[in-house]
Amino acid sequence: MAIRTEMTLRLENTPGALARLCQTLAAEKINLLALNLESTGVLHLVTENPVHTAGLLRSKDYAVDECDVLFVTMPNRPGAMSATIRALRDAGVNINYAFASAITEQNMTALVIGVDDAQRAATAAGM
């Protein structure tokens, strides 16, 4: 488990809004690790270089909020995610939101977990 910086911003609900943002990141060679776009236009974004990403997006007039999240990679197999979630539950950590993606060819899953205090959550869960 790692603690990563997640950026949250709002995209317009128009065709091409996400494409423009992704093109902006690609032009700067920013690698996306995780992305979740809600139907409300709220975008959660985790990249390899959050300092560069946040600065770039702000320079393009995006209002960017930053927070620490838990970033967990695990084997893509039944029960792997359950073990992580149980460890957080057993440590008394409340999960505000989570999103995941799996890569079947590499048998890996990446899970982003939003909590009130990522450092405390990781320590309490022994991760």
C-alpha atoms as a PDB file:
ATOM      1  CA  MET A   1       0.000   0.000   0.000  1.00  0.00           C
ATOM      2  CA  ALA A   2       1.151   3.469  -0.794  1.00  0.00           C
ATOM      3  CA  ILE A   3      -0.146   6.908  -0.019  1.00  0.00           C
ATOM      4  CA  ARG A   4      -0.614   8.950  -3.172  1.00  0.00           C
ATOM      5  CA  THR A   5      -1.929  12.414  -3.917  1.00  0.00           C
ATOM      6  CA  GLU A   6      -5.299  12.500  -5.607  1.00  0.00           C
ATOM      7  CA  MET A   7      -6.454  15.547  -7.497  1.00  0.00           C
ATOM      8  CA  THR A   8     -10.154  16.312  -7.697  1.00  0.00           C
ATOM      9  CA  LEU A   9     -11.639  18.725 -10.200  1.00  0.00           C
ATOM     10  CA  ARG A  10     -14.877  19.318 -12.048  1.00  0.00           C
ATOM     11  CA  LEU A  11     -15.238  18.848 -15.784  1.00  0.00           C
ATOM     12  CA  GLU A  12     -17.920  20.451 -17.898  1.00  0.00           C
ATOM     13  CA  ASN A  13     -20.617  18.046 -19.037  1.00  0.00           C
ATOM     14  CA  THR A  14     -19.813  18.564 -22.710  1.00  0.00           C
ATOM     15  CA  PRO A  15     -18.491  16.305 -25.462  1.00  0.00           C
ATOM     16  CA  GLY A  16     -14.708  16.302 -25.443  1.00  0.00           C
ATOM     17  CA  ALA A  17     -14.153  17.681 -21.923  1.00  0.00           C
ATOM     18  CA  LEU A  18     -12.384  14.523 -20.726  1.00  0.00           C
ATOM     19  CA  ALA A  19     -10.566  14.154 -24.047  1.00  0.00           C
ATOM     20  CA  ARG A  20      -9.164  17.701 -23.737  1.00  0.00           C
ATOM     21  CA  LEU A  21      -7.942  17.040 -20.216  1.00  0.00           C
ATOM     22  CA  CYS A  22      -6.318  13.740 -21.237  1.00  0.00           C
ATOM     23  CA  GLN A  23      -4.662  15.415 -24.222  1.00  0.00           C
ATOM     24  CA  THR A  24      -3.280  18.117 -21.923  1.00  0.00           C
ATOM     25  CA  LEU A  25      -1.776  15.443 -19.677  1.00  0.00           C
ATOM     26  CA  ALA A  26      -0.435  13.429 -22.619  1.00  0.00           C
ATOM     27  CA  ALA A  27       1.252  16.493 -24.118  1.00  0.00           C
ATOM     28  CA  GLU A  28       3.193  16.856 -20.858  1.00  0.00           C
ATOM     29  CA  LYS A  29       3.933  13.097 -20.700  1.00  0.00           C
ATOM     30  CA  ILE A  30       1.991  12.750 -17.440  1.00  0.00           C
ATOM     31  CA  ASN A  31       1.163   9.135 -16.692  1.00  0.00           C
ATOM     32  CA  LEU A  32      -2.273   8.369 -15.251  1.00  0.00           C
ATOM     33  CA  LEU A  33      -2.387   5.745 -12.512  1.00  0.00           C
ATOM     34  CA  ALA A  34      -6.115   5.998 -11.760  1.00  0.00           C
ATOM     35  CA  LEU A  35      -9.092   7.999 -12.909  1.00  0.00           C
ATOM     36  CA  ASN A  36     -12.739   8.093 -11.870  1.00  0.00           C
ATOM     37  CA  LEU A  37     -15.282  10.399 -13.494  1.00  0.00           C
ATOM     38  CA  GLU A  38     -18.608  10.710 -11.709  1.00  0.00           C
ATOM     39  CA  SER A  39     -21.852  11.538 -13.513  1.00  0.00           C
ATOM     40  CA  THR A  40     -21.787  14.928 -11.759  1.00  0.00           C
ATOM     41  CA  GLY A  41     -18.563  15.850 -13.582  1.00  0.00           C
ATOM     42  CA  VAL A  42     -16.335  15.350 -10.543  1.00  0.00           C
ATOM     43  CA  LEU A  43     -13.058  13.786 -11.666  1.00  0.00           C
ATOM     44  CA  HIS A  44     -10.709  11.956  -9.289  1.00  0.00           C
ATOM     45  CA  LEU A  45      -7.222  11.645 -10.740  1.00  0.00           C
ATOM     46  CA  VAL A  46      -4.032   9.957  -9.522  1.00  0.00           C
ATOM     47  CA  THR A  47      -0.848  10.451 -11.537  1.00  0.00           C
ATOM     48  CA  GLU A  48       2.816   9.580 -11.141  1.00  0.00           C
ATOM     49  CA  ASN A  49       3.782  13.228 -10.666  1.00  0.00           C
ATOM     50  CA  PRO A  50       1.005  15.045  -8.793  1.00  0.00           C
ATOM     51  CA  VAL A  51       2.987  18.265  -8.290  1.00  0.00           C
ATOM     52  CA  HIS A  52       3.507  18.702 -12.034  1.00  0.00           C
ATOM     53  CA  THR A  53      -0.064  17.581 -12.774  1.00  0.00           C
ATOM     54  CA  ALA A  54      -1.700  19.980 -10.318  1.00  0.00           C
ATOM     55  CA  GLY A  55       0.418  22.900 -11.530  1.00  0.00           C
ATOM     56  CA  LEU A  56      -0.357  22.142 -15.164  1.00  0.00           C
ATOM     57  CA  LEU A  57      -4.085  21.830 -14.559  1.00  0.00           C
ATOM     58  CA  ARG A  58      -4.198  25.046 -12.545  1.00  0.00           C
ATOM     59  CA  SER A  59      -2.340  26.833 -15.357  1.00  0.00           C
ATOM     60  CA  LYS A  60      -5.168  25.664 -17.656  1.00  0.00           C
ATOM     61  CA  ASP A  61      -7.755  27.200 -15.275  1.00  0.00           C
ATOM     62  CA  TYR A  62      -8.951  23.985 -13.651  1.00  0.00           C
ATOM     63  CA  ALA A  63      -9.834  24.335  -9.957  1.00  0.00           C
ATOM     64  CA  VAL A  64      -7.862  21.467  -8.417  1.00  0.00           C
ATOM     65  CA  ASP A  65      -8.194  20.106  -4.882  1.00  0.00           C
ATOM     66  CA  GLU A  66      -5.559  17.715  -3.564  1.00  0.00           C
ATOM     67  CA  CYS A  67      -5.726  15.081  -0.849  1.00  0.00           C
ATOM     68  CA  ASP A  68      -3.880  11.945   0.178  1.00  0.00           C
ATOM     69  CA  VAL A  69      -5.488   8.610  -0.640  1.00  0.00           C
ATOM     70  CA  LEU A  70      -4.543   5.002  -0.130  1.00  0.00           C
ATOM     71  CA  PHE A  71      -3.296   3.398  -3.341  1.00  0.00           C
ATOM     72  CA  VAL A  72      -3.250  -0.363  -3.058  1.00  0.00           C
ATOM     73  CA  THR A  73      -2.008  -2.804  -5.667  1.00  0.00           C
ATOM     74  CA  MET A  74      -2.894  -6.426  -5.164  1.00  0.00           C
ATOM     75  CA  PRO A  75      -3.276  -9.669  -7.052  1.00  0.00           C
ATOM     76  CA  ASN A  76      -6.364  -9.837  -9.252  1.00  0.00           C
ATOM     77  CA  ARG A  77      -8.003 -12.821  -7.579  1.00  0.00           C
ATOM     78  CA  PRO A  78     -11.109 -13.472  -5.520  1.00  0.00           C
ATOM     79  CA  GLY A  79     -10.808 -12.189  -1.956  1.00  0.00           C
ATOM     80  CA  ALA A  80      -7.791  -9.913  -2.435  1.00  0.00           C
ATOM     81  CA  MET A  81      -9.792  -6.706  -2.178  1.00  0.00           C
ATOM     82  CA  SER A  82     -11.837  -8.098   0.682  1.00  0.00           C
ATOM     83  CA  ALA A  83      -8.694  -8.636   2.758  1.00  0.00           C
ATOM     84  CA  THR A  84      -7.646  -4.998   2.316  1.00  0.00           C
ATOM     85  CA  ILE A  85     -11.105  -3.662   3.136  1.00  0.00           C
ATOM     86  CA  ARG A  86     -11.380  -5.924   6.200  1.00  0.00           C
ATOM     87  CA  ALA A  87      -8.010  -4.680   7.498  1.00  0.00           C
ATOM     88  CA  LEU A  88      -9.258  -1.103   7.283  1.00  0.00           C
ATOM     89  CA  ARG A  89     -12.560  -2.045   8.930  1.00  0.00           C
ATOM     90  CA  ASP A  90     -10.772  -3.857  11.738  1.00  0.00           C
ATOM     91  CA  ALA A  91      -8.655  -0.748  12.317  1.00  0.00           C
ATOM     92  CA  GLY A  92     -11.824   1.361  12.597  1.00  0.00           C
ATOM     93  CA  VAL A  93     -11.172   3.269   9.384  1.00  0.00           C
ATOM     94  CA  ASN A  94     -14.197   4.641   7.550  1.00  0.00           C
ATOM     95  CA  ILE A  95     -13.978   4.499   3.760  1.00  0.00           C
ATOM     96  CA  ASN A  96     -15.438   7.605   2.118  1.00  0.00           C
ATOM     97  CA  TYR A  97     -15.137   6.253  -1.436  1.00  0.00           C
ATOM     98  CA  ALA A  98     -13.166   3.749  -3.467  1.00  0.00           C
ATOM     99  CA  PHE A  99     -12.568   2.848  -7.082  1.00  0.00           C
ATOM    100  CA  ALA A 100     -10.533   0.129  -8.708  1.00  0.00           C
ATOM    101  CA  SER A 101      -9.347  -1.298 -11.975  1.00  0.00           C
ATOM    102  CA  ALA A 102      -7.875  -4.657 -12.838  1.00  0.00           C
ATOM    103  CA  ILE A 103      -5.396  -5.724 -15.478  1.00  0.00           C
ATOM    104  CA  THR A 104      -6.162  -9.352 -16.211  1.00  0.00           C
ATOM    105  CA  GLU A 105      -3.085  -9.905 -18.387  1.00  0.00           C
ATOM    106  CA  GLN A 106      -0.872  -8.984 -15.430  1.00  0.00           C
ATOM    107  CA  ASN A 107      -3.187 -10.379 -12.733  1.00  0.00           C
ATOM    108  CA  MET A 108      -3.082  -7.086 -10.811  1.00  0.00           C
ATOM    109  CA  THR A 109      -5.680  -4.753  -9.356  1.00  0.00           C
ATOM    110  CA  ALA A 110      -5.194  -1.134  -8.333  1.00  0.00           C
ATOM    111  CA  LEU A 111      -7.528   0.207  -5.664  1.00  0.00           C
ATOM    112  CA  VAL A 112      -7.847   3.882  -4.662  1.00  0.00           C
ATOM    113  CA  ILE A 113      -9.422   4.449  -1.250  1.00  0.00           C
ATOM    114  CA  GLY A 114     -10.472   7.850   0.037  1.00  0.00           C
ATOM    115  CA  VAL A 115     -10.351   8.169   3.826  1.00  0.00           C
ATOM    116  CA  ASP A 116     -10.280  11.099   6.248  1.00  0.00           C
ATOM    117  CA  ASP A 117      -6.611  10.596   7.187  1.00  0.00           C
ATOM    118  CA  ALA A 118      -4.612   8.376   4.822  1.00  0.00           C
ATOM    119  CA  GLN A 119      -1.494   8.282   6.994  1.00  0.00           C
ATOM    120  CA  ARG A 120      -3.432   7.244  10.104  1.00  0.00           C
ATOM    121  CA  ALA A 121      -5.453   4.710   8.123  1.00  0.00           C
ATOM    122  CA  ALA A 122      -2.355   3.063   6.669  1.00  0.00           C
ATOM    123  CA  THR A 123      -0.669   2.922  10.069  1.00  0.00           C
ATOM    124  CA  ALA A 124      -3.761   1.643  11.882  1.00  0.00           C
ATOM    125  CA  ALA A 125      -4.357  -1.064   9.300  1.00  0.00           C
ATOM    126  CA  GLY A 126      -0.698  -2.116   9.451  1.00  0.00           C
ATOM    127  CA  MET A 127      -0.214  -1.486   5.774  1.00  0.00           C
END
